[in-house]
Amino acid sequence: MPLRGPGQGKLITSPIASPSVDFYAVVSVKKWFTTIREVSDLYFGIVGSSDVRNEEVLLLGNRENYLKNGNIQVDSERIKKVNTVVPPDTVTFSTSNNRENFSNSDIVRGSVKVFDSGETKKFIEGVEFEVNYKDGKMKRLQAGGTPGGASSTGAGANSFVAEFFATVNVSQVVRVYYDYYTDYVKGTDYQVNYKLGTLSRLAGGNIQNGERVFVDYRVISNISDQIIVNVINQAHKFIMSRIDENLEGTENEELKYAETYFALGLLANSSASDMVEAKRDSKASSAAETMLKIGAVYEEKAWEFLAPYNIISSPRRAGAEILKNLS
């Protein structure tokens, strides 16, 4: 049976030609019911996505400006400026299936406005055209011009009828207004404190004092394996204080989930405490309250799995008190 608890080992070497002695030893290993992987997978499944897109930041002076998150993955950031195309692009369509290029790429979503050449008619995105925002391309979905007409002339009796094929290309010129992103350069225009989650402009760089920038970045977890080891140890200790000691180390699904959910409750409480301490913005208290509620749900589930094995009749608040002390 694989060991589920943490362990440490040492390699011991002896001098060459040293006598060897065989001996027998009994090694007692305390084993968890759960695993690090079990706890971390469930926890990060609840936490959700870690990617942040287009967070708006006002950069004043050269001081550090706090982003909404700390623990940012190194070099994951992208600091962007919004530019407006001047003059507007002139795009000519020859067929409805062609994708025509803008003069810029990385277009700001929702900023595109398309008019006819005289700017008297505005076309509708998703109906008359579609945009590839990343590459800066546009495709016509249907002709936007005034529809033409056709007439027929009757042929006399016994006239000769000839069939032929013709291709008619209807070109259309449109004027396109839009905004697009350009990137600033780390070390030249700005600097980042990845641990604290701060952004500051650099003197002599291209970011103007008082400029609003848009920031993409990835948040990495501040919950390390060692923290998970610690909370599992504490959850295991609490469970063993309430069940038959002979159950320790057994393959027991109910005790595995009891230990897992007690550990998750500790992690949720710890995360709530970090949110309140960081005080990133007005939403911190709300987010912390949500994490506390999640922690309470985890603890309730843990008690349900522990109940068949609980040999102590003291009220549940004892468990809650332990969770409070550990968080």
Protein backbone atom coordinates (compact mmCIF):
# COMPACT_ATOMS: atom_id res chain seq x y z
CA MET A 1 0.00 0.00 0.00
CA PRO A 2 1.54 3.36 -0.96
CA LEU A 3 2.28 5.79 1.85
CA ARG A 4 0.00 8.83 1.82
CA GLY A 5 1.59 10.94 4.50
CA PRO A 6 4.75 13.07 4.21
CA GLY A 7 8.11 11.47 4.90
CA GLN A 8 11.79 12.26 4.85
CA GLY A 9 14.71 10.01 4.09
CA LYS A 10 18.49 10.16 4.40
CA LEU A 11 21.25 8.33 2.58
CA ILE A 12 23.86 7.03 5.01
CA THR A 13 27.28 5.99 3.70
CA SER A 14 30.04 4.17 5.54
CA PRO A 15 33.81 4.09 4.89
CA ILE A 16 35.16 1.48 2.48
CA ALA A 17 35.74 -1.95 4.05
CA SER A 18 33.62 -1.10 7.08
CA PRO A 19 31.95 -4.14 8.63
CA SER A 20 28.25 -4.49 7.87
CA VAL A 21 25.74 -5.59 10.46
CA ASP A 22 22.26 -6.87 9.71
CA PHE A 23 19.51 -5.93 12.13
CA TYR A 24 15.74 -5.90 12.24
CA ALA A 25 13.69 -2.83 13.03
CA VAL A 26 10.03 -2.03 13.33
CA VAL A 27 9.17 1.25 11.65
CA SER A 28 5.91 2.94 12.56
CA VAL A 29 4.56 5.26 9.85
CA LYS A 30 1.55 7.47 10.42
CA LYS A 31 -0.41 7.73 7.21
CA TRP A 32 -3.05 10.18 6.05
CA PHE A 33 -6.41 9.10 4.74
CA THR A 34 -6.20 11.63 1.88
CA THR A 35 -3.44 12.90 -0.44
CA ILE A 36 -1.96 16.25 -1.42
CA ARG A 37 -3.27 15.78 -4.96
CA GLU A 38 -6.80 15.07 -3.73
CA VAL A 39 -6.93 18.28 -1.70
CA SER A 40 -5.20 20.55 -4.23
CA ASP A 41 -7.31 19.38 -7.19
CA LEU A 42 -10.57 20.05 -5.34
CA TYR A 43 -9.38 23.39 -3.97
CA PHE A 44 -8.14 24.81 -7.27
CA GLY A 45 -11.24 23.49 -9.01
CA ILE A 46 -13.29 25.80 -6.78
CA VAL A 47 -10.93 28.78 -7.08
CA GLY A 48 -11.39 28.82 -10.87
CA SER A 49 -9.56 30.62 -13.65
CA SER A 50 -6.40 32.56 -12.84
CA ASP A 51 -6.18 34.67 -16.01
CA VAL A 52 -6.96 38.40 -15.81
CA ARG A 53 -7.72 40.39 -18.94
CA ASN A 54 -7.91 44.16 -19.52
CA GLU A 55 -7.72 45.29 -15.91
CA GLU A 56 -7.77 49.08 -16.09
CA VAL A 57 -5.10 50.90 -14.07
CA LEU A 58 -4.46 54.65 -13.70
CA LEU A 59 -0.70 55.27 -13.41
CA LEU A 60 0.14 58.38 -11.42
CA GLY A 61 3.71 59.58 -10.99
CA ASN A 62 6.28 56.86 -10.45
CA ARG A 63 4.63 55.29 -7.40
CA GLU A 64 3.58 51.65 -7.17
CA ASN A 65 -0.04 51.08 -8.16
CA TYR A 66 -1.74 47.98 -6.78
CA LEU A 67 -3.38 45.55 -9.16
CA LYS A 68 -6.37 43.55 -7.94
CA ASN A 69 -4.20 40.48 -7.35
CA GLY A 70 -0.76 39.59 -6.07
CA ASN A 71 1.30 36.44 -6.75
CA ILE A 72 1.53 37.15 -10.48
CA GLN A 73 3.34 34.71 -12.73
CA VAL A 74 6.66 36.20 -13.83
CA ASP A 75 6.58 37.62 -17.38
CA SER A 76 2.89 36.78 -17.81
CA GLU A 77 1.87 40.43 -17.89
CA ARG A 78 1.00 42.54 -20.88
CA ILE A 79 0.66 46.31 -20.36
CA LYS A 80 -1.38 47.86 -23.17
CA LYS A 81 -2.34 51.27 -24.50
CA VAL A 82 -5.56 51.90 -26.41
CA ASN A 83 -5.07 53.80 -29.68
CA THR A 84 -7.66 55.12 -32.14
CA VAL A 85 -7.01 54.65 -35.85
CA VAL A 86 -6.65 58.07 -37.53
CA PRO A 87 -7.68 58.49 -40.28
CA PRO A 88 -10.14 55.61 -40.53
CA ASP A 89 -9.16 52.64 -42.69
CA THR A 90 -10.55 52.43 -46.20
CA VAL A 91 -11.34 48.82 -47.06
CA THR A 92 -12.37 47.55 -50.51
CA PHE A 93 -14.26 44.28 -50.87
CA SER A 94 -14.16 42.47 -54.20
CA THR A 95 -16.07 39.36 -53.11
CA SER A 96 -18.06 38.50 -50.02
CA ASN A 97 -15.72 35.62 -49.06
CA ASN A 98 -12.50 37.62 -48.87
CA ARG A 99 -11.09 38.71 -45.51
CA GLU A 100 -9.68 42.18 -45.88
CA ASN A 101 -6.92 43.53 -43.62
CA PHE A 102 -7.07 46.53 -41.32
CA SER A 103 -3.92 48.63 -41.01
CA ASN A 104 -3.55 47.37 -37.41
CA SER A 105 -4.11 44.14 -35.48
CA ASP A 106 -5.16 43.43 -31.87
CA ILE A 107 -8.40 45.37 -32.20
CA VAL A 108 -10.35 46.42 -29.11
CA ARG A 109 -13.46 44.26 -29.01
CA GLY A 110 -16.67 46.19 -29.70
CA SER A 111 -14.90 49.30 -31.01
CA VAL A 112 -15.34 48.65 -34.74
CA LYS A 113 -17.73 50.92 -36.68
CA VAL A 114 -18.18 50.48 -40.43
CA PHE A 115 -19.77 52.97 -42.85
CA ASP A 116 -20.19 53.22 -46.60
CA SER A 117 -17.71 55.39 -48.51
CA GLY A 118 -19.87 58.48 -48.07
CA GLU A 119 -20.44 57.70 -44.37
CA THR A 120 -24.20 57.95 -44.80
CA LYS A 121 -24.98 54.34 -43.92
CA LYS A 122 -23.70 52.36 -40.94
CA PHE A 123 -23.35 48.60 -41.33
CA ILE A 124 -24.26 46.04 -38.66
CA GLU A 125 -21.64 43.72 -37.20
CA GLY A 126 -22.72 40.08 -37.24
CA VAL A 127 -25.27 40.78 -39.98
CA GLU A 128 -23.36 42.56 -42.73
CA PHE A 129 -19.77 41.97 -41.61
CA GLU A 130 -17.68 40.05 -39.08
CA VAL A 131 -14.33 40.92 -37.49
CA ASN A 132 -11.28 38.90 -36.49
CA TYR A 133 -10.17 41.11 -33.59
CA LYS A 134 -6.85 39.39 -32.97
CA ASP A 135 -5.55 39.55 -36.55
CA GLY A 136 -7.32 42.76 -37.62
CA LYS A 137 -9.36 41.36 -40.49
CA MET A 138 -12.93 41.89 -41.68
CA LYS A 139 -15.21 39.79 -43.85
CA ARG A 140 -18.34 40.96 -45.66
CA LEU A 141 -21.34 38.75 -44.94
CA GLN A 142 -23.65 40.24 -47.53
CA ALA A 143 -23.60 43.08 -50.04
CA GLY A 144 -24.29 46.35 -48.33
CA GLY A 145 -25.00 48.42 -51.40
CA THR A 146 -28.30 49.27 -52.99
CA PRO A 147 -29.69 46.16 -54.69
CA GLY A 148 -29.89 46.30 -58.47
CA GLY A 149 -32.76 45.29 -60.79
CA ALA A 150 -33.19 43.01 -63.78
CA SER A 151 -35.59 43.07 -66.72
CA SER A 152 -36.45 40.55 -69.42
CA THR A 153 -37.24 40.90 -73.08
CA GLY A 154 -39.46 38.36 -74.76
CA ALA A 155 -38.12 36.41 -77.78
CA GLY A 156 -40.15 35.79 -80.86
CA ALA A 157 -41.43 32.41 -81.87
CA ASN A 158 -38.79 30.00 -83.17
CA SER A 159 -35.99 32.30 -81.90
CA PHE A 160 -32.60 30.68 -81.20
CA VAL A 161 -31.79 30.49 -77.46
CA ALA A 162 -28.13 30.52 -76.34
CA GLU A 163 -26.99 29.70 -72.78
CA PHE A 164 -23.84 31.29 -71.28
CA PHE A 165 -22.18 31.75 -67.85
CA ALA A 166 -21.01 35.08 -66.46
CA THR A 167 -19.27 36.14 -63.22
CA VAL A 168 -20.20 39.54 -61.85
CA ASN A 169 -17.90 41.08 -59.18
CA VAL A 170 -19.48 43.81 -57.14
CA SER A 171 -16.80 45.82 -55.34
CA GLN A 172 -17.65 47.87 -52.29
CA VAL A 173 -15.64 50.49 -50.43
CA VAL A 174 -16.19 51.03 -46.72
CA ARG A 175 -14.73 53.30 -44.05
CA VAL A 176 -13.72 51.58 -40.79
CA TYR A 177 -13.23 53.24 -37.41
CA TYR A 178 -11.77 51.24 -34.49
CA ASP A 179 -9.45 51.21 -31.48
CA TYR A 180 -6.45 48.92 -31.16
CA TYR A 181 -3.89 47.91 -28.53
CA THR A 182 -0.13 48.47 -28.52
CA ASP A 183 2.24 47.11 -25.88
CA TYR A 184 4.56 48.86 -23.46
CA VAL A 185 7.99 47.39 -22.66
CA LYS A 186 9.04 46.14 -19.23
CA GLY A 187 12.21 47.78 -17.97
CA THR A 188 11.77 50.70 -20.36
CA ASP A 189 8.21 51.88 -19.74
CA TYR A 190 7.20 50.09 -16.51
CA GLN A 191 8.22 47.70 -13.76
CA VAL A 192 6.25 45.04 -11.88
CA ASN A 193 6.47 43.58 -8.39
CA TYR A 194 5.12 40.11 -9.11
CA LYS A 195 4.80 39.05 -5.48
CA LEU A 196 2.91 42.12 -4.27
CA GLY A 197 1.08 42.71 -7.54
CA THR A 198 2.12 46.31 -8.12
CA LEU A 199 2.76 48.22 -11.35
CA SER A 200 4.68 51.49 -11.73
CA ARG A 201 5.68 53.65 -14.68
CA LEU A 202 9.34 54.47 -15.29
CA ALA A 203 10.63 57.99 -15.75
CA GLY A 204 11.75 58.53 -19.32
CA GLY A 205 9.48 55.78 -20.62
CA ASN A 206 6.53 56.08 -22.99
CA ILE A 207 3.76 55.88 -20.38
CA GLN A 208 2.50 59.35 -19.57
CA ASN A 209 1.78 60.50 -16.03
CA GLY A 210 -1.93 59.98 -15.39
CA GLU A 211 -2.35 57.57 -18.29
CA ARG A 212 -4.81 54.67 -18.12
CA VAL A 213 -3.39 51.35 -19.22
CA PHE A 214 -4.97 47.94 -19.63
CA VAL A 215 -3.26 44.96 -18.03
CA ASP A 216 -3.35 41.22 -18.76
CA TYR A 217 -1.65 38.79 -16.37
CA ARG A 218 -1.86 35.35 -14.78
CA VAL A 219 -2.27 34.81 -11.05
CA ILE A 220 -0.42 31.86 -9.55
CA SER A 221 -1.58 30.27 -6.32
CA ASN A 222 -0.02 31.25 -3.02
CA ILE A 223 -1.11 27.86 -1.67
CA SER A 224 2.05 25.74 -1.80
CA ASP A 225 2.30 21.98 -1.28
CA GLN A 226 3.83 22.66 2.13
CA ILE A 227 0.74 24.62 3.19
CA ILE A 228 -1.43 21.73 2.01
CA VAL A 229 0.77 19.30 3.96
CA ASN A 230 0.29 21.42 7.09
CA VAL A 231 -3.50 21.58 6.82
CA ILE A 232 -3.79 17.85 6.11
CA ASN A 233 -1.63 17.14 9.16
CA GLN A 234 -3.91 19.28 11.32
CA ALA A 235 -7.08 17.75 9.85
CA HIS A 236 -5.63 14.26 10.37
CA LYS A 237 -4.73 15.05 13.97
CA PHE A 238 -8.25 16.32 14.62
CA ILE A 239 -9.88 13.24 13.07
CA MET A 240 -7.63 10.84 14.99
CA SER A 241 -8.66 12.57 18.22
CA ARG A 242 -12.26 11.52 17.54
CA ILE A 243 -12.03 7.99 16.06
CA ASP A 244 -10.65 4.57 16.97
CA GLU A 245 -6.85 4.76 16.70
CA ASN A 246 -6.78 1.38 14.94
CA LEU A 247 -8.34 3.04 11.89
CA GLU A 248 -5.24 5.13 11.22
CA GLY A 249 -3.64 4.31 7.90
CA THR A 250 -6.53 2.21 6.62
CA GLU A 251 -8.00 2.58 3.13
CA ASN A 252 -11.29 4.16 4.13
CA GLU A 253 -13.23 6.27 1.63
CA GLU A 254 -15.40 8.04 4.21
CA LEU A 255 -12.45 9.03 6.35
CA LYS A 256 -10.55 10.07 3.24
CA TYR A 257 -13.30 12.52 2.32
CA ALA A 258 -13.68 13.67 5.93
CA GLU A 259 -9.98 14.51 6.06
CA THR A 260 -10.07 16.08 2.59
CA TYR A 261 -13.00 18.37 3.40
CA PHE A 262 -11.61 19.42 6.80
CA ALA A 263 -8.36 20.36 5.00
CA LEU A 264 -10.34 22.26 2.33
CA GLY A 265 -12.17 24.14 5.07
CA LEU A 266 -8.84 25.24 6.51
CA LEU A 267 -7.61 26.39 3.11
CA ALA A 268 -10.81 28.36 2.46
CA ASN A 269 -10.59 30.09 5.83
CA SER A 270 -6.93 30.87 5.23
CA SER A 271 -7.71 32.34 1.79
CA ALA A 272 -10.48 34.51 3.29
CA SER A 273 -8.02 35.83 5.86
CA ASP A 274 -5.50 36.67 3.11
CA MET A 275 -8.16 38.56 1.13
CA VAL A 276 -9.11 40.73 4.09
CA GLU A 277 -5.47 41.41 4.94
CA ALA A 278 -4.60 42.36 1.34
CA LYS A 279 -7.57 44.80 1.05
CA ARG A 280 -7.12 45.10 -2.71
CA ASP A 281 -10.44 46.81 -3.34
CA SER A 282 -13.99 47.18 -2.09
CA LYS A 283 -14.77 43.66 -3.29
CA ALA A 284 -12.25 42.04 -0.94
CA SER A 285 -14.69 41.74 1.98
CA SER A 286 -17.35 40.22 -0.26
CA ALA A 287 -14.87 37.71 -1.70
CA ALA A 288 -13.63 36.83 1.79
CA GLU A 289 -17.21 36.29 2.97
CA THR A 290 -17.78 33.96 0.02
CA MET A 291 -14.68 31.94 0.90
CA LEU A 292 -15.82 31.67 4.52
CA LYS A 293 -19.17 30.32 3.35
CA ILE A 294 -17.37 27.81 1.14
CA GLY A 295 -15.24 26.81 4.13
CA ALA A 296 -18.39 26.23 6.21
CA VAL A 297 -19.81 23.99 3.47
CA TYR A 298 -16.58 21.98 3.39
CA GLU A 299 -16.65 21.53 7.17
CA GLU A 300 -20.28 20.42 7.08
CA LYS A 301 -19.42 17.79 4.45
CA ALA A 302 -16.45 16.65 6.53
CA TRP A 303 -18.70 16.09 9.58
CA GLU A 304 -21.10 14.03 7.46
CA PHE A 305 -18.32 11.65 6.40
CA LEU A 306 -16.82 11.54 9.90
CA ALA A 307 -20.11 10.88 11.71
CA PRO A 308 -20.13 7.03 11.45
CA TYR A 309 -16.71 6.84 13.13
CA ASN A 310 -16.97 9.69 15.63
CA ILE A 311 -16.68 8.29 19.17
CA ILE A 312 -16.73 11.65 20.94
CA SER A 313 -20.12 13.13 21.69
CA SER A 314 -18.95 16.72 22.24
CA PRO A 315 -20.71 19.37 20.12
CA ARG A 316 -19.45 20.20 16.65
CA ARG A 317 -18.21 23.60 17.71
CA ALA A 318 -15.06 21.84 18.93
CA GLY A 319 -14.22 21.10 15.31
CA ALA A 320 -15.13 24.61 14.28
CA GLU A 321 -12.86 25.96 17.01
CA ILE A 322 -9.97 23.91 15.72
CA LEU A 323 -10.60 25.17 12.20
CA LYS A 324 -10.66 28.73 13.50
CA ASN A 325 -7.38 28.31 15.37
CA LEU A 326 -5.65 26.69 12.42
CA SER A 327 -6.73 29.33 9.91
